[in-house]
Amino acid sequence: MEELGIPIVAECKEGLFEGGDFTFLDDNTLAIGMVARSNEKGIDEIRKSLKKYGYKVIAVPCDEKYLHLDLCFNLVDEKLAVAYRDGLPREFLKTLDDMGIETIDISEESVFNHGCNLQSIGKKRVISLRQNTYVNEELRKRGITVIDLDITEILKAGGGPHCMTFPLSRV
């Protein structure tokens, strides 16, 4: 990143923080899952570093069996997310409702088949797993172009489209 001139705006030195727990809810609001690999101390470090940029950081505690927030929640368009609502705290669900973010709800079984582990690539386009037939159909009903890939081999290592993607510039 240094080679590309990308600055470090926040660093986690004492706590724990992983990218699968991080998502933007809007231009000024970030959600960070407090799941298996990110903890309160790490989230506080990120929150303090980003405060000077005007970001609000919301901690989203979830059961550790879900590993990362992106297994239970993923924003796929400005006001649309895929979510396992039963795995998310009531306060976070209220925040989503207050922000006008609609959710396509999935079952707990879908969590472990990466039903939320999608990658938005901008302009109402999403990369998803071909096996996510319900989610993919619901996205299409809402005007999202779904690029459904048969990448089931990556699931054996515990990842999905969101896990395989470096930060993207969505234009």
N, C-alpha and C. Protein backbone atom coordinates (compact mmCIF):
# COMPACT_ATOMS: atom_id res chain seq x y z
N MET A 1 0.82 -1.18 0.00
CA MET A 1 0.00 0.00 0.00
C MET A 1 0.87 1.25 0.00
N GLU A 2 2.00 1.17 0.70
CA GLU A 2 2.93 2.29 0.71
C GLU A 2 3.42 2.58 -0.71
N GLU A 3 3.73 1.52 -1.44
CA GLU A 3 4.19 1.64 -2.83
C GLU A 3 3.17 2.36 -3.70
N LEU A 4 1.88 2.14 -3.43
CA LEU A 4 0.81 2.76 -4.20
C LEU A 4 0.42 4.14 -3.67
N GLY A 5 1.06 4.55 -2.57
CA GLY A 5 0.75 5.86 -2.01
C GLY A 5 -0.54 5.89 -1.21
N ILE A 6 -0.96 4.76 -0.71
CA ILE A 6 -2.18 4.68 0.09
C ILE A 6 -1.81 4.90 1.56
N PRO A 7 -2.32 5.97 2.15
CA PRO A 7 -1.94 6.27 3.54
C PRO A 7 -2.61 5.34 4.55
N ILE A 8 -1.97 5.18 5.69
CA ILE A 8 -2.58 4.47 6.81
C ILE A 8 -3.35 5.52 7.61
N VAL A 9 -4.66 5.35 7.70
CA VAL A 9 -5.48 6.31 8.45
C VAL A 9 -5.87 5.78 9.81
N ALA A 10 -5.76 4.47 10.01
CA ALA A 10 -6.06 3.88 11.30
C ALA A 10 -5.25 2.60 11.44
N GLU A 11 -4.81 2.36 12.66
CA GLU A 11 -4.01 1.17 12.91
C GLU A 11 -4.46 0.55 14.23
N CYS A 12 -4.50 -0.74 14.25
CA CYS A 12 -4.88 -1.48 15.44
C CYS A 12 -3.61 -2.14 15.97
N LYS A 13 -3.12 -1.66 17.12
CA LYS A 13 -1.86 -2.17 17.67
C LYS A 13 -2.03 -3.03 18.92
N GLU A 14 -3.05 -2.75 19.70
CA GLU A 14 -3.23 -3.48 20.96
C GLU A 14 -4.42 -4.43 20.94
N GLY A 15 -5.47 -4.05 20.25
CA GLY A 15 -6.66 -4.89 20.17
C GLY A 15 -6.63 -5.75 18.92
N LEU A 16 -7.78 -6.31 18.60
CA LEU A 16 -7.91 -7.18 17.43
C LEU A 16 -8.92 -6.59 16.46
N PHE A 17 -8.60 -6.66 15.16
CA PHE A 17 -9.49 -6.15 14.12
C PHE A 17 -9.16 -6.85 12.81
N GLU A 18 -10.20 -7.39 12.14
CA GLU A 18 -10.03 -7.99 10.82
C GLU A 18 -11.04 -7.41 9.85
N GLY A 19 -10.66 -7.33 8.59
CA GLY A 19 -11.47 -6.70 7.55
C GLY A 19 -12.84 -7.31 7.33
N GLY A 20 -13.00 -8.61 7.58
CA GLY A 20 -14.30 -9.25 7.41
C GLY A 20 -15.35 -8.74 8.38
N ASP A 21 -14.92 -7.97 9.38
CA ASP A 21 -15.83 -7.40 10.37
C ASP A 21 -16.17 -5.94 10.08
N PHE A 22 -15.71 -5.41 8.97
CA PHE A 22 -15.81 -3.98 8.69
C PHE A 22 -16.73 -3.72 7.51
N THR A 23 -17.63 -2.75 7.65
CA THR A 23 -18.45 -2.31 6.52
C THR A 23 -18.87 -0.87 6.70
N PHE A 24 -18.99 -0.15 5.60
CA PHE A 24 -19.59 1.18 5.60
C PHE A 24 -21.10 1.01 5.56
N LEU A 25 -21.83 1.80 6.35
CA LEU A 25 -23.29 1.85 6.25
C LEU A 25 -23.73 3.03 5.41
N ASP A 26 -22.95 4.10 5.47
CA ASP A 26 -23.11 5.26 4.59
C ASP A 26 -21.77 5.99 4.58
N ASP A 27 -21.73 7.17 4.02
CA ASP A 27 -20.45 7.88 3.87
C ASP A 27 -19.78 8.22 5.20
N ASN A 28 -20.55 8.27 6.28
CA ASN A 28 -19.99 8.70 7.57
C ASN A 28 -20.11 7.67 8.68
N THR A 29 -20.74 6.54 8.39
CA THR A 29 -21.02 5.55 9.44
C THR A 29 -20.42 4.20 9.09
N LEU A 30 -19.63 3.66 10.02
CA LEU A 30 -19.01 2.36 9.82
C LEU A 30 -19.54 1.39 10.87
N ALA A 31 -19.72 0.15 10.47
CA ALA A 31 -20.06 -0.91 11.42
C ALA A 31 -18.88 -1.86 11.48
N ILE A 32 -18.50 -2.23 12.69
CA ILE A 32 -17.43 -3.21 12.87
C ILE A 32 -17.95 -4.31 13.78
N GLY A 33 -17.92 -5.52 13.24
CA GLY A 33 -18.38 -6.66 14.01
C GLY A 33 -17.42 -7.00 15.13
N MET A 34 -17.98 -7.28 16.28
CA MET A 34 -17.20 -7.76 17.42
C MET A 34 -17.56 -9.25 17.50
N VAL A 35 -16.84 -10.04 16.71
CA VAL A 35 -17.20 -11.44 16.55
C VAL A 35 -16.03 -12.28 17.06
N ALA A 36 -15.46 -13.14 16.25
CA ALA A 36 -14.38 -14.02 16.72
C ALA A 36 -13.00 -13.39 16.62
N ARG A 37 -12.82 -12.46 15.70
CA ARG A 37 -11.46 -11.97 15.43
C ARG A 37 -11.30 -10.46 15.55
N SER A 38 -12.32 -9.77 16.00
CA SER A 38 -12.22 -8.34 16.30
C SER A 38 -12.80 -8.15 17.69
N ASN A 39 -12.13 -7.34 18.51
CA ASN A 39 -12.63 -7.16 19.86
C ASN A 39 -12.87 -5.68 20.18
N GLU A 40 -13.42 -5.45 21.36
CA GLU A 40 -13.77 -4.09 21.76
C GLU A 40 -12.56 -3.16 21.77
N LYS A 41 -11.43 -3.65 22.23
CA LYS A 41 -10.22 -2.83 22.28
C LYS A 41 -9.79 -2.42 20.86
N GLY A 42 -9.85 -3.36 19.93
CA GLY A 42 -9.50 -3.05 18.55
C GLY A 42 -10.46 -2.05 17.92
N ILE A 43 -11.74 -2.23 18.18
CA ILE A 43 -12.75 -1.31 17.65
C ILE A 43 -12.54 0.08 18.23
N ASP A 44 -12.22 0.17 19.53
CA ASP A 44 -11.95 1.48 20.15
C ASP A 44 -10.76 2.16 19.50
N GLU A 45 -9.72 1.38 19.18
CA GLU A 45 -8.55 1.95 18.51
C GLU A 45 -8.93 2.53 17.14
N ILE A 46 -9.70 1.76 16.38
CA ILE A 46 -10.14 2.22 15.06
C ILE A 46 -11.03 3.46 15.22
N ARG A 47 -11.97 3.42 16.17
CA ARG A 47 -12.89 4.54 16.41
C ARG A 47 -12.10 5.82 16.72
N LYS A 48 -11.10 5.72 17.60
CA LYS A 48 -10.31 6.90 17.97
C LYS A 48 -9.52 7.44 16.78
N SER A 49 -8.97 6.56 15.98
CA SER A 49 -8.20 6.99 14.81
C SER A 49 -9.06 7.67 13.76
N LEU A 50 -10.29 7.20 13.60
CA LEU A 50 -11.17 7.73 12.55
C LEU A 50 -12.01 8.92 12.98
N LYS A 51 -12.04 9.19 14.28
CA LYS A 51 -12.86 10.29 14.80
C LYS A 51 -12.50 11.62 14.13
N LYS A 52 -11.22 11.87 13.93
CA LYS A 52 -10.79 13.15 13.34
C LYS A 52 -11.28 13.32 11.90
N TYR A 53 -11.70 12.22 11.27
CA TYR A 53 -12.23 12.28 9.90
C TYR A 53 -13.76 12.39 9.89
N GLY A 54 -14.35 12.40 11.07
CA GLY A 54 -15.79 12.57 11.19
C GLY A 54 -16.61 11.29 11.08
N TYR A 55 -15.96 10.13 11.19
CA TYR A 55 -16.68 8.87 11.08
C TYR A 55 -17.29 8.46 12.41
N LYS A 56 -18.48 7.92 12.34
CA LYS A 56 -19.12 7.29 13.49
C LYS A 56 -18.88 5.79 13.33
N VAL A 57 -18.39 5.14 14.38
CA VAL A 57 -18.11 3.72 14.35
C VAL A 57 -19.04 3.01 15.30
N ILE A 58 -19.79 2.04 14.77
CA ILE A 58 -20.74 1.27 15.56
C ILE A 58 -20.17 -0.14 15.75
N ALA A 59 -20.06 -0.58 17.00
CA ALA A 59 -19.66 -1.95 17.29
C ALA A 59 -20.89 -2.85 17.18
N VAL A 60 -20.70 -4.00 16.53
CA VAL A 60 -21.81 -4.93 16.32
C VAL A 60 -21.42 -6.29 16.90
N PRO A 61 -21.75 -6.52 18.19
CA PRO A 61 -21.40 -7.81 18.79
C PRO A 61 -22.27 -8.94 18.22
N CYS A 62 -21.61 -10.04 17.86
CA CYS A 62 -22.30 -11.23 17.33
C CYS A 62 -21.68 -12.47 17.97
N ASP A 63 -22.39 -13.56 17.89
CA ASP A 63 -21.90 -14.82 18.39
C ASP A 63 -20.63 -15.21 17.63
N GLU A 64 -19.61 -15.68 18.35
CA GLU A 64 -18.33 -16.02 17.73
C GLU A 64 -18.43 -17.12 16.68
N LYS A 65 -19.48 -17.93 16.73
CA LYS A 65 -19.60 -19.00 15.74
C LYS A 65 -19.76 -18.46 14.32
N TYR A 66 -20.10 -17.16 14.19
CA TYR A 66 -20.26 -16.56 12.87
C TYR A 66 -18.95 -16.01 12.31
N LEU A 67 -17.88 -16.03 13.05
CA LEU A 67 -16.53 -15.66 12.65
C LEU A 67 -16.36 -14.18 12.32
N HIS A 68 -17.04 -13.68 11.30
CA HIS A 68 -16.95 -12.28 10.88
C HIS A 68 -18.34 -11.70 10.64
N LEU A 69 -18.45 -10.39 10.72
CA LEU A 69 -19.72 -9.72 10.45
C LEU A 69 -20.21 -10.03 9.04
N ASP A 70 -19.30 -10.18 8.07
CA ASP A 70 -19.75 -10.39 6.69
C ASP A 70 -20.41 -11.75 6.46
N LEU A 71 -20.45 -12.60 7.48
CA LEU A 71 -21.23 -13.83 7.37
C LEU A 71 -22.69 -13.59 7.77
N CYS A 72 -22.94 -12.50 8.53
CA CYS A 72 -24.30 -12.18 8.99
C CYS A 72 -24.87 -10.92 8.35
N PHE A 73 -24.02 -10.10 7.77
CA PHE A 73 -24.49 -8.81 7.24
C PHE A 73 -23.56 -8.33 6.14
N ASN A 74 -24.18 -7.85 5.05
CA ASN A 74 -23.38 -7.27 3.97
C ASN A 74 -24.24 -6.26 3.22
N LEU A 75 -23.80 -5.01 3.21
CA LEU A 75 -24.48 -3.96 2.45
C LEU A 75 -24.12 -4.15 0.98
N VAL A 76 -25.13 -4.31 0.13
CA VAL A 76 -24.86 -4.58 -1.29
C VAL A 76 -25.24 -3.42 -2.20
N ASP A 77 -25.97 -2.45 -1.65
CA ASP A 77 -26.32 -1.24 -2.38
C ASP A 77 -26.55 -0.16 -1.33
N GLU A 78 -26.74 1.06 -1.75
CA GLU A 78 -26.82 2.17 -0.81
C GLU A 78 -27.81 1.92 0.34
N LYS A 79 -28.95 1.35 0.07
CA LYS A 79 -29.97 1.13 1.10
C LYS A 79 -30.47 -0.32 1.10
N LEU A 80 -29.61 -1.25 0.70
CA LEU A 80 -29.99 -2.66 0.64
C LEU A 80 -28.87 -3.54 1.17
N ALA A 81 -29.24 -4.47 2.04
CA ALA A 81 -28.27 -5.39 2.62
C ALA A 81 -28.85 -6.80 2.61
N VAL A 82 -27.95 -7.77 2.71
CA VAL A 82 -28.33 -9.16 2.95
C VAL A 82 -27.94 -9.42 4.40
N ALA A 83 -28.87 -10.02 5.18
CA ALA A 83 -28.61 -10.14 6.61
C ALA A 83 -29.25 -11.39 7.21
N TYR A 84 -28.56 -11.92 8.19
CA TYR A 84 -29.14 -12.92 9.08
C TYR A 84 -29.55 -12.15 10.33
N ARG A 85 -30.77 -11.67 10.34
CA ARG A 85 -31.25 -10.76 11.38
C ARG A 85 -31.21 -11.40 12.77
N ASP A 86 -31.46 -12.71 12.87
CA ASP A 86 -31.46 -13.36 14.17
C ASP A 86 -30.06 -13.42 14.78
N GLY A 87 -29.03 -13.21 13.98
CA GLY A 87 -27.66 -13.23 14.48
C GLY A 87 -27.11 -11.84 14.78
N LEU A 88 -27.93 -10.82 14.59
CA LEU A 88 -27.49 -9.44 14.80
C LEU A 88 -28.19 -8.84 16.01
N PRO A 89 -27.50 -7.97 16.75
CA PRO A 89 -28.11 -7.36 17.94
C PRO A 89 -29.28 -6.44 17.57
N ARG A 90 -30.26 -6.41 18.44
CA ARG A 90 -31.47 -5.60 18.23
C ARG A 90 -31.12 -4.13 17.97
N GLU A 91 -30.15 -3.60 18.71
CA GLU A 91 -29.77 -2.19 18.55
C GLU A 91 -29.25 -1.90 17.14
N PHE A 92 -28.46 -2.84 16.60
CA PHE A 92 -27.94 -2.67 15.23
C PHE A 92 -29.08 -2.73 14.21
N LEU A 93 -30.03 -3.65 14.41
CA LEU A 93 -31.18 -3.75 13.51
C LEU A 93 -32.00 -2.46 13.53
N LYS A 94 -32.13 -1.85 14.72
CA LYS A 94 -32.84 -0.56 14.82
C LYS A 94 -32.09 0.52 14.04
N THR A 95 -30.76 0.52 14.14
CA THR A 95 -29.95 1.48 13.39
C THR A 95 -30.21 1.33 11.89
N LEU A 96 -30.20 0.09 11.42
CA LEU A 96 -30.47 -0.16 9.99
C LEU A 96 -31.84 0.36 9.60
N ASP A 97 -32.85 0.06 10.43
CA ASP A 97 -34.20 0.55 10.15
C ASP A 97 -34.24 2.08 10.13
N ASP A 98 -33.60 2.71 11.12
CA ASP A 98 -33.57 4.18 11.20
C ASP A 98 -32.88 4.79 9.98
N MET A 99 -31.90 4.08 9.42
CA MET A 99 -31.17 4.57 8.25
C MET A 99 -31.90 4.23 6.95
N GLY A 100 -33.01 3.50 7.04
CA GLY A 100 -33.77 3.14 5.85
C GLY A 100 -33.11 2.04 5.04
N ILE A 101 -32.31 1.20 5.68
CA ILE A 101 -31.63 0.11 4.98
C ILE A 101 -32.53 -1.13 5.02
N GLU A 102 -32.98 -1.55 3.84
CA GLU A 102 -33.80 -2.75 3.70
C GLU A 102 -32.88 -3.97 3.77
N THR A 103 -33.39 -5.06 4.35
CA THR A 103 -32.58 -6.28 4.37
C THR A 103 -33.31 -7.41 3.65
N ILE A 104 -32.52 -8.18 2.92
CA ILE A 104 -32.96 -9.47 2.40
C ILE A 104 -32.51 -10.45 3.46
N ASP A 105 -33.47 -11.10 4.09
CA ASP A 105 -33.17 -11.94 5.25
C ASP A 105 -32.84 -13.37 4.84
N ILE A 106 -31.81 -13.91 5.48
CA ILE A 106 -31.41 -15.29 5.20
C ILE A 106 -31.54 -16.13 6.47
N SER A 107 -31.51 -17.42 6.29
CA SER A 107 -31.58 -18.36 7.42
C SER A 107 -30.19 -18.58 8.00
N GLU A 108 -30.15 -19.18 9.20
CA GLU A 108 -28.85 -19.49 9.79
C GLU A 108 -28.08 -20.48 8.93
N GLU A 109 -28.78 -21.42 8.32
CA GLU A 109 -28.12 -22.38 7.42
C GLU A 109 -27.39 -21.64 6.29
N SER A 110 -28.02 -20.60 5.76
CA SER A 110 -27.40 -19.81 4.69
C SER A 110 -26.16 -19.06 5.14
N VAL A 111 -26.10 -18.72 6.44
CA VAL A 111 -24.92 -18.04 6.98
C VAL A 111 -23.68 -18.87 6.67
N PHE A 112 -23.76 -20.16 6.97
CA PHE A 112 -22.61 -21.04 6.83
C PHE A 112 -22.38 -21.50 5.39
N ASN A 113 -23.30 -21.12 4.49
CA ASN A 113 -23.10 -21.33 3.05
C ASN A 113 -22.77 -20.02 2.35
N HIS A 114 -22.39 -19.01 3.14
CA HIS A 114 -21.95 -17.71 2.65
C HIS A 114 -23.04 -16.93 1.91
N GLY A 115 -24.26 -17.01 2.44
CA GLY A 115 -25.38 -16.28 1.86
C GLY A 115 -25.20 -14.77 1.90
N CYS A 116 -24.47 -14.26 2.89
CA CYS A 116 -24.20 -12.81 2.99
C CYS A 116 -22.84 -12.43 2.42
N ASN A 117 -22.00 -13.40 2.18
CA ASN A 117 -20.63 -13.12 1.77
C ASN A 117 -20.58 -12.82 0.27
N LEU A 118 -21.09 -11.64 -0.07
CA LEU A 118 -21.18 -11.15 -1.44
C LEU A 118 -20.21 -10.00 -1.61
N GLN A 119 -19.97 -9.61 -2.86
CA GLN A 119 -19.11 -8.45 -3.09
C GLN A 119 -19.82 -7.48 -4.01
N SER A 120 -20.16 -6.32 -3.49
CA SER A 120 -20.72 -5.26 -4.31
C SER A 120 -19.60 -4.63 -5.11
N ILE A 121 -19.81 -4.47 -6.41
CA ILE A 121 -18.78 -3.85 -7.25
C ILE A 121 -19.27 -2.53 -7.84
N GLY A 122 -20.34 -1.98 -7.27
CA GLY A 122 -20.85 -0.68 -7.69
C GLY A 122 -21.83 -0.78 -8.84
N LYS A 123 -22.53 0.32 -9.08
CA LYS A 123 -23.51 0.42 -10.17
C LYS A 123 -24.52 -0.72 -10.13
N LYS A 124 -24.98 -1.04 -8.91
CA LYS A 124 -26.00 -2.08 -8.69
C LYS A 124 -25.58 -3.44 -9.25
N ARG A 125 -24.31 -3.78 -9.02
CA ARG A 125 -23.78 -5.08 -9.44
C ARG A 125 -23.15 -5.77 -8.23
N VAL A 126 -23.40 -7.08 -8.14
CA VAL A 126 -22.92 -7.86 -7.00
C VAL A 126 -22.36 -9.18 -7.51
N ILE A 127 -21.23 -9.58 -6.93
CA ILE A 127 -20.68 -10.91 -7.18
C ILE A 127 -21.20 -11.81 -6.06
N SER A 128 -21.78 -12.94 -6.44
CA SER A 128 -22.36 -13.86 -5.47
C SER A 128 -22.01 -15.29 -5.86
N LEU A 129 -22.27 -16.19 -4.95
CA LEU A 129 -22.10 -17.61 -5.23
C LEU A 129 -23.32 -18.12 -5.99
N ARG A 130 -23.11 -18.95 -6.98
CA ARG A 130 -24.21 -19.51 -7.75
C ARG A 130 -25.21 -20.24 -6.85
N GLN A 131 -24.72 -20.89 -5.82
CA GLN A 131 -25.59 -21.67 -4.93
C GLN A 131 -26.55 -20.80 -4.12
N ASN A 132 -26.34 -19.50 -4.06
CA ASN A 132 -27.20 -18.58 -3.30
C ASN A 132 -28.44 -18.21 -4.12
N THR A 133 -29.19 -19.20 -4.54
CA THR A 133 -30.30 -18.96 -5.47
C THR A 133 -31.35 -18.01 -4.88
N TYR A 134 -31.71 -18.19 -3.62
CA TYR A 134 -32.72 -17.32 -3.01
C TYR A 134 -32.23 -15.87 -2.96
N VAL A 135 -31.04 -15.66 -2.43
CA VAL A 135 -30.50 -14.30 -2.32
C VAL A 135 -30.34 -13.68 -3.71
N ASN A 136 -29.80 -14.44 -4.64
CA ASN A 136 -29.57 -13.90 -5.98
C ASN A 136 -30.89 -13.48 -6.64
N GLU A 137 -31.92 -14.29 -6.47
CA GLU A 137 -33.24 -13.94 -7.04
C GLU A 137 -33.81 -12.69 -6.37
N GLU A 138 -33.68 -12.60 -5.05
CA GLU A 138 -34.18 -11.43 -4.33
C GLU A 138 -33.43 -10.16 -4.75
N LEU A 139 -32.13 -10.29 -4.97
CA LEU A 139 -31.35 -9.13 -5.45
C LEU A 139 -31.83 -8.71 -6.84
N ARG A 140 -32.02 -9.67 -7.71
CA ARG A 140 -32.48 -9.36 -9.08
C ARG A 140 -33.85 -8.67 -9.05
N LYS A 141 -34.73 -9.11 -8.16
CA LYS A 141 -36.06 -8.49 -8.03
C LYS A 141 -35.94 -7.01 -7.67
N ARG A 142 -34.84 -6.65 -7.01
CA ARG A 142 -34.63 -5.28 -6.56
C ARG A 142 -33.73 -4.49 -7.52
N GLY A 143 -33.53 -5.02 -8.72
CA GLY A 143 -32.78 -4.29 -9.74
C GLY A 143 -31.27 -4.43 -9.68
N ILE A 144 -30.79 -5.40 -8.92
CA ILE A 144 -29.35 -5.63 -8.81
C ILE A 144 -28.93 -6.65 -9.86
N THR A 145 -27.86 -6.37 -10.57
CA THR A 145 -27.28 -7.34 -11.50
C THR A 145 -26.40 -8.27 -10.67
N VAL A 146 -26.69 -9.56 -10.75
CA VAL A 146 -25.95 -10.55 -9.98
C VAL A 146 -25.04 -11.34 -10.90
N ILE A 147 -23.77 -11.31 -10.59
CA ILE A 147 -22.79 -12.13 -11.29
C ILE A 147 -22.58 -13.33 -10.39
N ASP A 148 -23.24 -14.44 -10.73
CA ASP A 148 -23.18 -15.61 -9.86
C ASP A 148 -22.12 -16.58 -10.36
N LEU A 149 -21.15 -16.81 -9.52
CA LEU A 149 -20.01 -17.64 -9.87
C LEU A 149 -20.05 -18.99 -9.17
N ASP A 150 -19.59 -20.00 -9.85
CA ASP A 150 -19.46 -21.32 -9.24
C ASP A 150 -18.04 -21.41 -8.68
N ILE A 151 -17.89 -20.91 -7.46
CA ILE A 151 -16.56 -20.92 -6.82
C ILE A 151 -16.64 -21.69 -5.51
N THR A 152 -17.29 -22.84 -5.57
CA THR A 152 -17.49 -23.63 -4.36
C THR A 152 -16.19 -24.11 -3.74
N GLU A 153 -15.13 -24.21 -4.51
CA GLU A 153 -13.84 -24.66 -3.95
C GLU A 153 -13.34 -23.69 -2.87
N ILE A 154 -13.57 -22.40 -3.05
CA ILE A 154 -13.12 -21.42 -2.06
C ILE A 154 -13.86 -21.62 -0.74
N LEU A 155 -15.09 -22.13 -0.79
CA LEU A 155 -15.85 -22.37 0.43
C LEU A 155 -15.16 -23.40 1.33
N LYS A 156 -14.45 -24.32 0.73
CA LYS A 156 -13.76 -25.35 1.51
C LYS A 156 -12.69 -24.73 2.41
N ALA A 157 -12.18 -23.58 2.03
CA ALA A 157 -11.18 -22.88 2.83
C ALA A 157 -11.84 -21.84 3.74
N GLY A 158 -13.17 -21.73 3.65
CA GLY A 158 -13.91 -20.84 4.55
C GLY A 158 -14.12 -19.44 4.02
N GLY A 159 -13.98 -19.22 2.74
CA GLY A 159 -14.15 -17.87 2.20
C GLY A 159 -15.20 -17.80 1.12
N GLY A 160 -15.62 -16.58 0.81
CA GLY A 160 -16.58 -16.31 -0.25
C GLY A 160 -16.10 -15.11 -1.05
N PRO A 161 -16.95 -14.57 -1.94
CA PRO A 161 -16.53 -13.44 -2.78
C PRO A 161 -16.01 -12.24 -2.00
N HIS A 162 -16.64 -11.91 -0.86
CA HIS A 162 -16.18 -10.77 -0.06
C HIS A 162 -14.79 -11.03 0.52
N CYS A 163 -14.54 -12.28 0.91
CA CYS A 163 -13.24 -12.65 1.49
C CYS A 163 -12.11 -12.57 0.45
N MET A 164 -12.44 -12.80 -0.80
CA MET A 164 -11.41 -12.88 -1.85
C MET A 164 -11.05 -11.52 -2.44
N THR A 165 -11.67 -10.45 -1.98
CA THR A 165 -11.55 -9.16 -2.65
C THR A 165 -10.75 -8.16 -1.82
N PHE A 166 -9.79 -7.54 -2.45
CA PHE A 166 -9.09 -6.42 -1.84
C PHE A 166 -10.00 -5.19 -1.92
N PRO A 167 -9.65 -4.10 -1.24
CA PRO A 167 -10.49 -2.89 -1.34
C PRO A 167 -10.68 -2.47 -2.79
N LEU A 168 -11.92 -2.06 -3.10
CA LEU A 168 -12.28 -1.67 -4.46
C LEU A 168 -12.68 -0.21 -4.51
N SER A 169 -12.36 0.44 -5.62
CA SER A 169 -12.88 1.76 -5.90
C SER A 169 -14.11 1.55 -6.75
N ARG A 170 -15.29 1.86 -6.20
CA ARG A 170 -16.55 1.63 -6.93
C ARG A 170 -16.97 2.91 -7.59
N VAL A 171 -16.98 2.92 -8.91
CA VAL A 171 -17.40 4.11 -9.66
C VAL A 171 -18.56 3.81 -10.55
